[in-house]
Protein backbone atom coordinates (compact mmCIF):
# COMPACT_ATOMS: atom_id res chain seq x y z
CA UNK A 1 5.27 19.96 -13.73
CA UNK A 2 3.52 16.92 -12.39
CA UNK A 3 6.10 14.71 -10.78
CA UNK A 4 5.51 11.01 -9.89
CA UNK A 5 4.86 10.25 -6.00
CA UNK A 6 7.38 7.59 -4.46
CA UNK A 7 5.70 6.19 -1.29
CA UNK A 8 7.75 4.09 1.15
CA UNK A 9 5.40 1.39 2.47
CA UNK A 10 5.81 0.32 5.88
CA UNK A 11 4.47 -3.03 7.52
CA UNK A 12 3.15 -2.93 10.99
CA UNK A 13 2.93 -5.93 13.36
CA UNK A 14 1.84 -5.30 16.89
CA UNK A 15 4.08 -2.27 17.78
CA UNK A 16 6.86 -2.76 15.40
CA UNK A 17 7.64 -2.53 11.81
CA UNK A 18 8.75 -5.64 9.93
CA UNK A 19 9.49 -6.71 6.15
CA UNK A 20 8.33 -9.64 4.34
CA UNK A 21 9.12 -11.72 1.31
CA UNK A 22 6.00 -12.98 -0.42
CA UNK A 23 3.75 -12.11 2.35
CA UNK A 24 5.74 -14.40 4.83
CA UNK A 25 8.46 -14.55 7.02
CA UNK A 26 8.30 -11.18 8.71
CA UNK A 27 11.58 -9.99 9.94
CA UNK A 28 11.61 -7.13 12.65
CA UNK A 29 13.20 -3.82 11.26
CA UNK A 30 12.57 -1.18 13.88
CA UNK A 31 10.24 1.10 15.62
CA UNK A 32 7.56 2.76 13.63
CA UNK A 33 7.38 6.13 15.20
CA UNK A 34 11.31 6.62 14.68
CA UNK A 35 10.97 5.32 10.96
CA UNK A 36 8.21 7.68 10.15
CA UNK A 37 10.37 10.55 11.80
CA UNK A 38 13.41 9.67 9.60
CA UNK A 39 11.01 9.44 6.48
CA UNK A 40 9.81 13.00 7.28
CA UNK A 41 13.24 14.41 7.55
CA UNK A 42 14.03 12.87 4.09
CA UNK A 43 10.98 14.68 2.75
CA UNK A 44 9.27 11.86 1.30
CA UNK A 45 6.11 12.49 -0.98
CA UNK A 46 3.83 10.39 1.36
CA UNK A 47 3.74 7.36 3.40
CA UNK A 48 1.63 4.34 3.46
CA UNK A 49 1.59 2.24 6.94
CA UNK A 50 -0.29 -1.22 6.63
CA UNK A 51 -1.10 -3.40 9.57
CA UNK A 52 -0.70 -6.98 8.25
CA UNK A 53 -2.31 -8.83 10.79
CA UNK A 54 -5.26 -6.73 12.02
CA UNK A 55 -7.68 -7.98 9.09
CA UNK A 56 -6.47 -11.62 9.63
CA UNK A 57 -7.10 -11.35 13.26
CA UNK A 58 -10.26 -9.45 13.17
CA UNK A 59 -8.59 -6.60 14.99
CA UNK A 60 -9.56 -2.92 15.13
CA UNK A 61 -6.68 -0.39 14.22
CA UNK A 62 -4.42 0.63 17.11
CA UNK A 63 -5.22 4.24 17.02
CA UNK A 64 -2.79 5.29 19.85
CA UNK A 65 0.20 4.06 17.80
CA UNK A 66 -1.19 5.48 14.64
CA UNK A 67 -1.87 8.88 16.04
CA UNK A 68 1.77 8.81 17.72
CA UNK A 69 3.22 8.04 14.02
CA UNK A 70 0.86 10.48 12.31
CA UNK A 71 2.34 13.10 14.80
CA UNK A 72 5.87 12.77 13.29
CA UNK A 73 4.60 12.87 9.73
CA UNK A 74 5.09 16.08 7.89
CA UNK A 75 3.60 14.50 4.76
CA UNK A 76 0.36 12.81 3.80
CA UNK A 77 0.03 9.48 5.66
CA UNK A 78 -2.18 6.41 4.75
CA UNK A 79 -3.02 3.83 6.87
CA UNK A 80 -4.52 0.44 6.06
CA UNK A 81 -5.28 -2.68 8.57
CA UNK A 82 -8.50 -3.82 9.99
CA UNK A 83 -10.64 -1.05 8.38
CA UNK A 84 -14.31 -2.21 8.19
CA UNK A 85 -16.55 0.51 9.32
CA UNK A 86 -17.19 4.20 8.84
CA UNK A 87 -16.53 5.02 12.53
CA UNK A 88 -13.10 3.33 12.33
CA UNK A 89 -12.36 5.58 9.32
CA UNK A 90 -13.69 8.74 11.26
CA UNK A 91 -11.45 7.85 14.12
CA UNK A 92 -8.35 7.23 11.80
CA UNK A 93 -9.00 10.92 10.11
CA UNK A 94 -9.12 12.13 13.63
CA UNK A 95 -6.01 10.57 14.36
CA UNK A 96 -4.26 12.37 11.67
CA UNK A 97 -4.34 10.01 8.75
CA UNK A 98 -5.21 11.71 5.23
CA UNK A 99 -5.99 8.58 3.22
CA UNK A 100 -7.79 5.23 4.47
CA UNK A 101 -6.40 1.91 2.67
CA UNK A 102 -9.42 -0.51 2.58
CA UNK A 103 -8.61 -4.00 1.53
CA UNK A 104 -10.26 -7.23 2.66
CA UNK A 105 -13.58 -5.31 3.66
CA UNK A 106 -13.82 -4.20 0.11
CA UNK A 107 -13.69 -7.31 -1.06
CA UNK A 108 -16.76 -8.58 0.70
CA UNK A 109 -18.58 -5.41 -0.32
CA UNK A 110 -17.74 -2.12 -1.77
CA UNK A 111 -20.30 -0.55 0.41
CA UNK A 112 -17.81 0.82 2.97
CA UNK A 113 -16.02 2.36 -0.16
CA UNK A 114 -19.01 4.00 -1.45
CA UNK A 115 -20.20 5.43 1.81
CA UNK A 116 -16.59 6.66 2.87
CA UNK A 117 -16.17 8.43 -0.67
CA UNK A 118 -19.46 10.00 -0.11
CA UNK A 119 -18.85 11.26 3.39
CA UNK A 120 -14.93 12.18 3.28
CA UNK A 121 -14.40 12.32 -0.32
CA UNK A 122 -12.61 10.17 -2.82
CA UNK A 123 -9.04 11.61 -2.09
CA UNK A 124 -9.22 10.06 1.53
CA UNK A 125 -10.09 6.33 0.10
CA UNK A 126 -7.86 4.02 -1.17
CA UNK A 127 -9.02 0.53 -2.48
CA UNK A 128 -6.14 -1.77 -1.81
CA UNK A 129 -5.92 -5.20 -3.78
CA UNK A 130 -3.41 -7.91 -3.18
CA UNK A 131 -2.80 -10.34 -6.05
CA UNK A 132 -1.07 -13.67 -6.38
CA UNK A 133 -0.12 -15.30 -9.94
CA UNK A 134 -1.80 -18.47 -10.63
CA UNK A 135 0.26 -21.31 -12.22
CA UNK A 136 -1.83 -20.67 -15.43
CA UNK A 137 -0.35 -17.24 -15.73
CA UNK A 138 -3.52 -15.55 -14.65
CA UNK A 139 -4.17 -13.32 -11.28
CA UNK A 140 -5.97 -14.14 -8.28
CA UNK A 141 -7.30 -11.59 -5.51
CA UNK A 142 -6.22 -12.82 -2.13
CA UNK A 143 -7.13 -11.17 1.35
CA UNK A 144 -6.32 -11.50 4.85
CA UNK A 145 -2.55 -10.80 4.19
CA UNK A 146 -2.82 -13.57 1.27
CA UNK A 147 -3.95 -16.33 3.46
CA UNK A 148 -7.53 -16.41 1.80
CA UNK A 149 -8.62 -16.21 -1.88
CA UNK A 150 -11.38 -14.22 -2.96
CA UNK A 151 -14.34 -15.28 -5.16
CA UNK A 152 -14.17 -12.11 -7.13
CA UNK A 153 -11.76 -12.09 -10.20
CA UNK A 154 -9.28 -9.28 -10.51
CA UNK A 155 -10.99 -7.18 -13.33
CA UNK A 156 -14.26 -7.31 -11.81
CA UNK A 157 -12.73 -6.07 -8.34
CA UNK A 158 -11.13 -3.19 -9.66
CA UNK A 159 -13.70 -1.89 -11.70
CA UNK A 160 -16.11 -2.35 -8.57
CA UNK A 161 -13.67 -0.24 -6.47
CA UNK A 162 -13.42 2.52 -9.45
CA UNK A 163 -17.54 2.57 -9.38
CA UNK A 164 -17.77 2.68 -5.81
CA UNK A 165 -15.65 5.88 -5.66
CA UNK A 166 -12.21 4.78 -4.49
CA UNK A 167 -9.66 7.80 -5.02
CA UNK A 168 -6.94 5.25 -5.94
CA UNK A 169 -6.12 1.79 -6.24
CA UNK A 170 -3.49 0.48 -4.51
CA UNK A 171 -2.39 -2.73 -6.39
CA UNK A 172 0.20 -5.15 -4.48
CA UNK A 173 1.93 -8.17 -6.19
CA UNK A 174 2.06 -10.99 -3.27
CA UNK A 175 4.81 -12.94 -5.48
CA UNK A 176 7.18 -9.88 -5.94
CA UNK A 177 6.72 -8.65 -2.33
CA UNK A 178 10.40 -8.28 -0.80
CA UNK A 179 12.03 -9.67 -3.70
CA UNK A 180 13.54 -6.17 -4.94
CA UNK A 181 13.75 -7.84 -8.37
CA UNK A 182 11.22 -5.66 -10.11
CA UNK A 183 7.31 -4.82 -10.32
CA UNK A 184 4.99 -7.18 -12.07
CA UNK A 185 4.47 -4.93 -14.97
CA UNK A 186 1.86 -7.17 -16.81
CA UNK A 187 -0.14 -6.67 -13.66
CA UNK A 188 0.15 -2.97 -13.40
CA UNK A 189 -0.64 -2.78 -17.03
CA UNK A 190 -3.67 -4.90 -16.76
CA UNK A 191 -5.06 -2.43 -14.13
CA UNK A 192 -4.13 0.77 -15.39
CA UNK A 193 -5.83 -0.21 -18.64
CA UNK A 194 -9.17 -1.15 -17.08
CA UNK A 195 -10.05 1.83 -14.94
CA UNK A 196 -9.21 5.76 -15.04
CA UNK A 197 -8.90 5.85 -11.34
CA UNK A 198 -5.23 6.54 -10.38
CA UNK A 199 -3.06 3.21 -9.53
CA UNK A 200 -0.31 3.00 -7.03
CA UNK A 201 2.03 0.13 -8.02
CA UNK A 202 3.78 -1.84 -4.96
CA UNK A 203 5.60 -5.35 -4.76
CA UNK A 204 9.08 -5.80 -6.09
CA UNK A 205 10.95 -2.42 -6.37
CA UNK A 206 14.68 -2.59 -5.73
CA UNK A 207 16.23 -0.10 -8.08
CA UNK A 208 15.00 3.51 -9.25
CA UNK A 209 14.93 1.87 -12.80
CA UNK A 210 12.21 -0.54 -11.39
CA UNK A 211 10.13 2.91 -10.26
CA UNK A 212 10.48 4.09 -13.84
CA UNK A 213 9.44 0.78 -15.47
CA UNK A 214 6.27 0.79 -13.29
CA UNK A 215 5.08 4.29 -14.48
CA UNK A 216 6.52 4.49 -17.85
CA UNK A 217 5.62 0.75 -18.92
CA UNK A 218 3.01 -0.08 -16.33
CA UNK A 219 1.14 3.31 -16.53
CA UNK A 220 1.21 3.78 -12.71
CA UNK A 221 0.32 7.07 -11.27
CA UNK A 222 2.59 6.57 -8.03
CA UNK A 223 4.89 3.99 -6.70
CA UNK A 224 5.43 2.20 -3.37
CA UNK A 225 8.28 0.15 -2.04
CA UNK A 226 9.12 -1.27 1.30
CA UNK A 227 12.58 -3.11 1.09
CA UNK A 228 14.05 -0.64 -1.34
CA UNK A 229 13.84 2.12 1.36
CA UNK A 230 14.65 -0.03 4.48
CA UNK A 231 17.31 -2.36 3.45
CA UNK A 232 20.81 -1.32 1.89
CA UNK A 233 23.55 -4.08 0.44
CA UNK A 234 23.20 -7.58 -0.32
CA UNK A 235 23.14 -8.51 3.29
CA UNK A 236 19.77 -6.29 3.75
CA UNK A 237 21.14 -4.40 6.52
CA UNK A 238 18.50 -2.24 7.84
CA UNK A 239 18.91 1.77 6.60
CA UNK A 240 16.18 3.84 5.89
CA UNK A 241 16.91 5.62 2.55
CA UNK A 242 14.91 7.73 -0.16
CA UNK A 243 15.94 8.42 -3.64
CA UNK A 244 17.57 11.98 -4.14
CA UNK A 245 17.01 12.19 -7.85
CA UNK A 246 12.99 11.59 -8.14
CA UNK A 247 12.52 13.96 -10.76
CA UNK A 248 13.64 11.48 -13.14
CA UNK A 249 11.14 9.05 -12.30
């Protein structure tokens, strides 16, 4: 029986892990290699690591650190941040990454998605979209850690990603990031109704019920979360955790 994947999402800044709220105010939470090791011991379905400064700073991925993290990952590991070329994708796969997440570069052109899917297969390519809600209730695609607005509309962009061959679309709500108050179900539903490509929902999870809502009401194929899996209690003490009764999601 098919089981929904539940994916810890780790944010990399420099050589450390951080957690943000609405893509702002990053707080250091620990060593990335150790975090991946702990999640491996908890037998998570998959893990995604996103370097939040790489694209904004025009910096290439930190292959040495990524390889060290991948060496501790006994589950599929995805990486995103600063990925712009096929050569970078090739190096990441050689470093032990199963899926490469492409965000900012795909807004500028989906050519890298198309080429990567042709060479490495769609299963290795994830098109990521960061989305902010507008004052009028619509949605705006943002890039470079939400510091820049894209000209392309959300619906057009997700269709472009699907047509280019992305194996998954990773949709992340800027407004819900780190708030632990629930996913933006309307956003998720909008995306899942527009494309047949599997959608990974991210941004806002705080409880197992939130995970269920993203799948049952939003139509997400998988769910990702950060704060929910690294914080404990109302004071947000750092404690890596992972739900045990995941069959019920």
